[in-house]
Amino acid sequence: MRKVPLGQTGLEVSEVAFGGIPIQRLTHDDAVAVVRGCLDLGITLLDTAHGYTTSEERIGAAIAGHRERVVLASKTPAGTAAEAEAHLAESLRRLGVSHIDLYQLHGVSDPERWRQVTAPGGPLDVLRAAQRSGVIGHIGITSHQVDVAKEAVRSGYFATVMFPLNFVAREPGLELLEVCRETGVAFLAMKPMGGGMLENARLAFSFLRQFPDVIPVVGIERLSEMAEIVALYDKAPALDERDRQEMERIRQELGTSFCRRCDYCQPCPAGIRISTVLNVPAMMRRIPPESIFGQGWVRAAVDSVADCQDCGECETRCPYKLAIRGRMKEIVALYREAEAAWRS
């Protein structure tokens, strides 16, 4: 697979990155085999996170003896300096390395969280100190909200930004891409397949191949998935008019149900994390059931729907005119049914 510059970091990486969420669902040995198979296909950028349960440990096992072949990226959801220090130390231990090429502040998607991570003496300062000491090569950030992401890119603090981009949820990502081009910040595209909502890989990656400075981060559970994507990048034809019409048809079809996680619906008067709830079906396909149905943030988001006051403010703010209230009720029912089946 062809290599491309990672922004202005001086690193060169495969034009597609491995995303480490789905391997949580595999056995340890199967996960290691998938990661090593991706390395053999030419993938050199591996992305994981402190919060992805077993993912860091499995990637660490897979790259043992092959560290020089990969560019390692991980993330911390820390809200305090102490958390950031602990997460970084644990990421290093799980990965079995003394240096992480790219360490990212994870899920910075609202102004309050932005202020939290950039406050003096906070998580960003911890990462900057770790960068000066050589433990981290570069610092990145991930976000789902375009205004926060643009502020982060313009701040000069970060070498990379990870943000959703696919042919359905494209406008905010393309807007952010222009800012990245102005500043030299590398754009890592999460959700290239719409978090599992898009089924046509050829269309999804032909769309992204139009942007050579965008590196998709693809969650991989089976080696065949990455083999298909590598083949598409090696020889896929350019989009033609029929492809564009098909993409538009899919956009229209998903337009009433597909949450782009722009978070313009926030804040909810009842405190519901609406975009989290609307993305629960996609998470149920990718994250281990014990994490989905345990006493964690996914359950808390689903349970919070009971507090909905039916005021409709979210729907008036949604730029995509989603029927948010009805969709949240459908998702709660889906979640309860799936949970009952899992526990039975």
Protein backbone atom coordinates (compact mmCIF):
# COMPACT_ATOMS: atom_id res chain seq x y z
CA MET A 1 0.00 0.00 0.00
CA ARG A 2 1.16 3.51 -0.86
CA LYS A 3 2.51 5.69 1.94
CA VAL A 4 1.52 9.33 2.48
CA PRO A 5 2.76 12.12 4.77
CA LEU A 6 1.02 12.42 8.13
CA GLY A 7 0.56 16.16 7.95
CA GLN A 8 3.71 17.99 9.01
CA THR A 9 4.90 15.35 11.48
CA GLY A 10 7.61 14.03 9.17
CA LEU A 11 6.06 10.57 9.46
CA GLU A 12 4.93 8.59 6.45
CA VAL A 13 2.04 6.17 6.94
CA SER A 14 -0.17 3.88 4.89
CA GLU A 15 -2.98 5.77 3.18
CA VAL A 16 -5.47 3.72 5.23
CA ALA A 17 -5.14 3.24 9.01
CA PHE A 18 -6.19 0.29 11.15
CA GLY A 19 -8.86 1.16 13.73
CA GLY A 20 -8.73 -0.88 16.93
CA ILE A 21 -12.33 -0.89 18.16
CA PRO A 22 -13.69 -4.11 16.58
CA ILE A 23 -10.86 -6.41 17.71
CA GLN A 24 -12.26 -6.08 21.23
CA ARG A 25 -14.92 -8.55 20.12
CA LEU A 26 -12.41 -11.24 19.08
CA THR A 27 -10.39 -13.70 21.08
CA HIS A 28 -6.89 -12.56 21.91
CA ASP A 29 -5.25 -14.88 19.37
CA ASP A 30 -7.69 -13.98 16.59
CA ALA A 31 -7.19 -10.26 17.24
CA VAL A 32 -3.41 -10.62 17.08
CA ALA A 33 -3.71 -12.55 13.82
CA VAL A 34 -5.91 -9.83 12.28
CA VAL A 35 -3.47 -7.07 13.23
CA ARG A 36 -0.48 -8.98 11.89
CA GLY A 37 -2.36 -9.75 8.70
CA CYS A 38 -3.02 -6.04 8.22
CA LEU A 39 0.70 -5.33 8.64
CA ASP A 40 1.41 -7.85 5.90
CA LEU A 41 -1.06 -5.99 3.66
CA GLY A 42 1.03 -2.83 4.07
CA ILE A 43 -0.91 -1.07 6.83
CA THR A 44 1.51 0.90 9.00
CA LEU A 45 -0.71 3.27 11.02
CA LEU A 46 -2.46 1.52 13.92
CA ASP A 47 -4.99 3.50 15.97
CA THR A 48 -6.37 2.42 19.33
CA ALA A 49 -7.35 4.06 22.63
CA HIS A 50 -7.03 3.68 26.37
CA GLY A 51 -10.80 3.24 26.52
CA TYR A 52 -10.94 0.37 24.00
CA THR A 53 -10.69 -2.31 26.72
CA THR A 54 -8.41 -5.06 25.32
CA SER A 55 -7.43 -3.31 22.09
CA GLU A 56 -4.13 -1.79 23.19
CA GLU A 57 -2.94 -5.04 24.74
CA ARG A 58 -3.78 -7.03 21.60
CA ILE A 59 -2.10 -4.56 19.29
CA GLY A 60 0.92 -4.61 21.58
CA ALA A 61 1.13 -8.38 21.30
CA ALA A 62 0.76 -8.20 17.52
CA ILE A 63 3.59 -5.70 17.02
CA ALA A 64 6.04 -7.35 19.41
CA GLY A 65 9.20 -7.72 17.37
CA HIS A 66 7.79 -5.50 14.61
CA ARG A 67 7.76 -2.07 16.29
CA GLU A 68 9.82 -0.47 13.53
CA ARG A 69 7.13 -1.35 10.96
CA VAL A 70 4.35 0.68 12.54
CA VAL A 71 3.27 4.16 13.55
CA LEU A 72 1.34 3.76 16.81
CA ALA A 73 -1.55 6.03 17.75
CA SER A 74 -3.60 5.89 20.93
CA LYS A 75 -5.86 8.22 22.91
CA THR A 76 -6.87 9.34 26.38
CA PRO A 77 -10.33 10.53 27.49
CA ALA A 78 -8.72 12.20 30.51
CA GLY A 79 -10.35 15.21 32.08
CA THR A 80 -7.56 15.86 34.59
CA ALA A 81 -3.78 15.83 34.60
CA ALA A 82 -3.72 12.84 36.94
CA GLU A 83 -5.95 10.86 34.61
CA ALA A 84 -3.84 11.77 31.60
CA GLU A 85 -0.65 10.65 33.35
CA ALA A 86 -2.25 7.36 34.43
CA HIS A 87 -3.75 6.67 31.00
CA LEU A 88 -0.49 7.34 29.19
CA ALA A 89 1.44 5.07 31.54
CA GLU A 90 -1.12 2.32 31.08
CA SER A 91 -1.16 2.72 27.29
CA LEU A 92 2.62 2.32 27.21
CA ARG A 93 2.41 -0.78 29.41
CA ARG A 94 -0.40 -2.40 27.42
CA LEU A 95 1.26 -1.70 24.08
CA GLY A 96 4.61 -2.91 25.40
CA VAL A 97 6.48 0.16 24.13
CA SER A 98 8.47 3.08 25.52
CA HIS A 99 7.27 5.56 22.88
CA ILE A 100 3.91 6.25 21.22
CA ASP A 101 4.13 8.09 17.92
CA LEU A 102 0.77 9.89 18.24
CA TYR A 103 -1.22 10.33 21.46
CA GLN A 104 -4.60 12.00 21.12
CA LEU A 105 -7.06 13.74 23.41
CA HIS A 106 -10.16 11.62 22.90
CA GLY A 107 -13.71 12.82 22.29
CA VAL A 108 -13.34 16.60 22.67
CA SER A 109 -16.75 17.49 21.29
CA ASP A 110 -18.13 20.40 23.28
CA PRO A 111 -16.78 23.74 24.53
CA GLU A 112 -16.74 22.63 28.16
CA ARG A 113 -14.57 19.62 27.38
CA TRP A 114 -12.30 21.76 25.21
CA ARG A 115 -11.75 24.15 28.13
CA GLN A 116 -11.16 21.18 30.44
CA VAL A 117 -8.43 19.52 28.37
CA THR A 118 -6.63 22.78 27.51
CA ALA A 119 -6.76 24.36 30.97
CA PRO A 120 -3.36 25.22 32.49
CA GLY A 121 -2.01 22.15 34.25
CA GLY A 122 -4.55 19.91 32.53
CA PRO A 123 -4.37 16.92 30.17
CA LEU A 124 -2.86 18.83 27.25
CA ASP A 125 0.00 20.08 29.41
CA VAL A 126 0.68 16.50 30.53
CA LEU A 127 0.93 15.37 26.91
CA ARG A 128 3.17 18.29 26.00
CA ALA A 129 5.53 17.38 28.85
CA ALA A 130 5.52 13.76 27.67
CA GLN A 131 6.33 14.97 24.16
CA ARG A 132 9.28 16.99 25.42
CA SER A 133 10.60 13.93 27.25
CA GLY A 134 10.29 11.77 24.15
CA VAL A 135 7.53 9.47 25.40
CA ILE A 136 5.11 10.88 22.81
CA GLY A 137 6.08 11.85 19.30
CA HIS A 138 3.10 14.02 18.39
CA ILE A 139 -0.18 15.15 19.95
CA GLY A 140 -3.57 14.83 18.27
CA ILE A 141 -7.23 15.35 19.09
CA THR A 142 -10.48 13.62 18.17
CA SER A 143 -13.87 15.28 17.96
CA HIS A 144 -17.39 14.92 16.59
CA GLN A 145 -18.30 18.61 16.63
CA VAL A 146 -17.00 20.75 13.81
CA ASP A 147 -16.80 24.10 15.61
CA VAL A 148 -14.75 22.62 18.45
CA ALA A 149 -12.59 20.72 15.95
CA LYS A 150 -11.87 23.88 13.96
CA GLU A 151 -10.85 25.72 17.11
CA ALA A 152 -8.54 22.84 18.00
CA VAL A 153 -6.95 22.78 14.56
CA ARG A 154 -6.38 26.54 14.60
CA SER A 155 -4.94 26.48 18.12
CA GLY A 156 -1.56 25.18 16.95
CA TYR A 157 -1.51 22.55 19.71
CA PHE A 158 -2.13 19.50 17.54
CA ALA A 159 -0.46 17.63 14.69
CA THR A 160 -3.59 15.65 13.80
CA VAL A 161 -7.34 15.79 14.13
CA MET A 162 -9.67 12.81 13.84
CA PHE A 163 -13.20 13.60 12.70
CA PRO A 164 -16.08 11.78 10.94
CA LEU A 165 -16.08 11.88 7.15
CA ASN A 166 -18.06 9.74 4.72
CA PHE A 167 -20.31 10.39 1.76
CA VAL A 168 -23.41 10.73 3.94
CA ALA A 169 -21.94 12.84 6.76
CA ARG A 170 -19.66 14.94 4.56
CA GLU A 171 -20.35 18.66 4.97
CA PRO A 172 -18.81 19.25 8.44
CA GLY A 173 -15.80 17.06 7.61
CA LEU A 174 -15.08 18.82 4.34
CA GLU A 175 -15.42 22.17 6.09
CA LEU A 176 -12.86 21.03 8.66
CA LEU A 177 -10.58 19.66 5.94
CA GLU A 178 -10.19 23.13 4.48
CA VAL A 179 -8.97 24.40 7.87
CA CYS A 180 -6.56 21.47 8.10
CA ARG A 181 -5.14 22.37 4.70
CA GLU A 182 -4.63 25.97 5.82
CA THR A 183 -2.79 24.91 8.98
CA GLY A 184 -0.97 21.73 7.93
CA VAL A 185 -2.80 19.56 10.46
CA ALA A 186 -3.32 15.98 9.31
CA PHE A 187 -6.95 14.83 8.87
CA LEU A 188 -7.75 11.30 10.08
CA ALA A 189 -11.24 10.28 8.98
CA MET A 190 -13.24 8.23 11.45
CA LYS A 191 -16.52 6.57 10.45
CA PRO A 192 -15.57 6.04 6.77
CA MET A 193 -18.38 3.47 6.60
CA GLY A 194 -20.76 5.61 8.63
CA GLY A 195 -20.22 3.61 11.80
CA GLY A 196 -21.55 0.53 10.04
CA MET A 197 -24.50 2.25 8.36
CA LEU A 198 -22.96 2.14 4.87
CA GLU A 199 -22.66 -1.25 3.20
CA ASN A 200 -21.01 -0.37 -0.12
CA ALA A 201 -17.27 -0.28 0.57
CA ARG A 202 -16.42 0.57 -3.03
CA LEU A 203 -18.52 3.73 -2.92
CA ALA A 204 -17.37 4.65 0.58
CA PHE A 205 -13.67 4.47 -0.20
CA SER A 206 -13.94 5.78 -3.76
CA PHE A 207 -15.47 8.87 -2.19
CA LEU A 208 -12.59 9.23 0.27
CA ARG A 209 -9.92 8.58 -2.35
CA GLN A 210 -10.90 11.93 -3.87
CA PHE A 211 -9.08 13.52 -0.92
CA PRO A 212 -5.46 12.31 -0.94
CA ASP A 213 -4.70 14.22 2.26
CA VAL A 214 -7.40 12.34 4.21
CA ILE A 215 -6.39 9.11 5.96
CA PRO A 216 -9.38 6.88 6.78
CA VAL A 217 -9.23 5.01 10.08
CA VAL A 218 -11.11 1.78 9.45
CA GLY A 219 -12.34 -0.44 12.26
CA ILE A 220 -11.37 -3.99 11.28
CA GLU A 221 -12.70 -7.25 12.69
CA ARG A 222 -11.85 -9.60 9.80
CA LEU A 223 -8.72 -9.55 7.68
CA SER A 224 -10.86 -9.89 4.55
CA GLU A 225 -12.30 -6.44 5.26
CA MET A 226 -8.91 -4.77 5.10
CA ALA A 227 -7.89 -6.86 2.08
CA GLU A 228 -10.93 -5.52 0.21
CA ILE A 229 -10.10 -1.94 1.14
CA VAL A 230 -6.44 -2.29 0.15
CA ALA A 231 -7.53 -3.68 -3.22
CA LEU A 232 -9.89 -0.74 -3.69
CA TYR A 233 -7.10 1.74 -3.00
CA ASP A 234 -4.76 -0.10 -5.34
CA LYS A 235 -7.03 -0.18 -8.38
CA ALA A 236 -10.50 1.26 -7.78
CA PRO A 237 -11.75 3.42 -10.67
CA ALA A 238 -12.71 7.04 -10.11
CA LEU A 239 -16.31 7.84 -9.28
CA ASP A 240 -18.57 8.19 -12.28
CA GLU A 241 -21.98 9.82 -12.59
CA ARG A 242 -23.82 6.61 -11.80
CA ASP A 243 -21.80 6.27 -8.57
CA ARG A 244 -22.64 9.83 -7.60
CA GLN A 245 -26.33 9.20 -8.20
CA GLU A 246 -26.18 6.07 -6.06
CA MET A 247 -24.43 7.94 -3.24
CA GLU A 248 -27.11 10.62 -3.38
CA ARG A 249 -29.83 7.98 -3.28
CA ILE A 250 -28.26 6.47 -0.14
CA ARG A 251 -27.88 9.92 1.41
CA GLN A 252 -31.57 10.59 0.86
CA GLU A 253 -32.53 7.17 2.19
CA LEU A 254 -30.52 7.59 5.38
CA GLY A 255 -31.23 11.29 5.74
CA THR A 256 -34.13 10.88 8.16
CA SER A 257 -32.36 8.46 10.50
CA PHE A 258 -28.59 8.98 10.23
CA CYS A 259 -27.10 11.04 13.05
CA ARG A 260 -23.99 12.93 11.92
CA ARG A 261 -23.03 13.67 15.56
CA CYS A 262 -22.74 17.39 14.91
CA ASP A 263 -24.35 17.95 18.35
CA TYR A 264 -26.24 21.04 17.26
CA CYS A 265 -29.15 19.43 19.16
CA GLN A 266 -27.27 20.06 22.42
CA PRO A 267 -27.67 21.06 25.15
CA CYS A 268 -30.72 18.96 25.97
CA PRO A 269 -32.77 20.47 28.83
CA ALA A 270 -33.01 16.99 30.35
CA GLY A 271 -29.29 16.31 30.00
CA ILE A 272 -29.65 13.51 27.43
CA ARG A 273 -26.55 12.85 25.30
CA ILE A 274 -28.64 12.64 22.16
CA SER A 275 -25.95 11.79 19.62
CA THR A 276 -24.67 9.01 21.87
CA VAL A 277 -28.15 7.49 22.06
CA LEU A 278 -28.70 7.78 18.30
CA ASN A 279 -25.43 5.97 17.64
CA VAL A 280 -26.11 3.06 20.00
CA PRO A 281 -27.19 0.70 17.15
CA ALA A 282 -23.84 1.25 15.40
CA MET A 283 -21.96 0.70 18.67
CA MET A 284 -23.89 -2.51 19.30
CA ARG A 285 -22.42 -3.90 16.08
CA ARG A 286 -18.84 -3.00 16.99
CA ILE A 287 -18.33 -3.03 20.77
CA PRO A 288 -18.38 -6.12 23.03
CA PRO A 289 -21.80 -6.71 24.65
CA GLU A 290 -20.39 -6.56 28.18
CA SER A 291 -19.34 -2.96 27.47
CA ILE A 292 -22.68 -2.10 25.85
CA PHE A 293 -24.92 -3.66 28.49
CA GLY A 294 -22.74 -3.17 31.57
CA GLN A 295 -22.90 -0.27 33.99
CA GLY A 296 -21.10 2.14 31.70
CA TRP A 297 -21.63 5.26 29.63
CA VAL A 298 -23.66 3.53 26.90
CA ARG A 299 -26.21 2.23 29.42
CA ALA A 300 -26.28 5.61 31.15
CA ALA A 301 -27.09 7.33 27.84
CA VAL A 302 -29.88 4.87 27.03
CA ASP A 303 -31.33 5.09 30.55
CA SER A 304 -31.33 8.89 30.36
CA VAL A 305 -33.92 8.83 27.55
CA ALA A 306 -36.52 8.21 30.29
CA ASP A 307 -35.91 11.83 31.35
CA CYS A 308 -37.01 13.23 27.97
CA GLN A 309 -39.54 16.05 28.49
CA ASP A 310 -40.81 15.77 24.90
CA CYS A 311 -40.12 19.48 24.40
CA GLY A 312 -38.83 18.99 20.84
CA GLU A 313 -36.02 21.56 21.15
CA CYS A 314 -33.54 19.03 19.74
CA GLU A 315 -35.58 18.59 16.58
CA THR A 316 -35.88 22.32 15.97
CA ARG A 317 -32.08 22.64 16.19
CA CYS A 318 -31.18 19.58 14.09
CA PRO A 319 -29.91 20.77 10.67
CA TYR A 320 -30.84 17.37 9.18
CA LYS A 321 -34.44 17.42 10.48
CA LEU A 322 -34.16 14.06 12.20
CA ALA A 323 -37.17 12.74 14.11
CA ILE A 324 -35.01 12.54 17.22
CA ARG A 325 -37.63 11.80 19.88
CA GLY A 326 -39.20 8.92 18.02
CA ARG A 327 -35.83 7.51 17.02
CA MET A 328 -34.58 7.56 20.62
CA LYS A 329 -37.63 5.57 21.74
CA GLU A 330 -36.99 3.01 18.98
CA ILE A 331 -33.36 2.68 20.06
CA VAL A 332 -34.27 2.18 23.71
CA ALA A 333 -36.63 -0.65 22.69
CA LEU A 334 -33.92 -2.18 20.48
CA TYR A 335 -31.38 -1.94 23.30
CA ARG A 336 -33.68 -3.57 25.87
CA GLU A 337 -34.52 -6.40 23.49
CA ALA A 338 -30.86 -7.03 22.64
CA GLU A 339 -29.89 -6.89 26.30
CA ALA A 340 -32.54 -9.44 27.25
CA ALA A 341 -31.32 -11.78 24.51
CA TRP A 342 -27.70 -11.40 25.63
CA ARG A 343 -28.51 -12.09 29.29
CA SER A 344 -30.74 -15.08 28.55
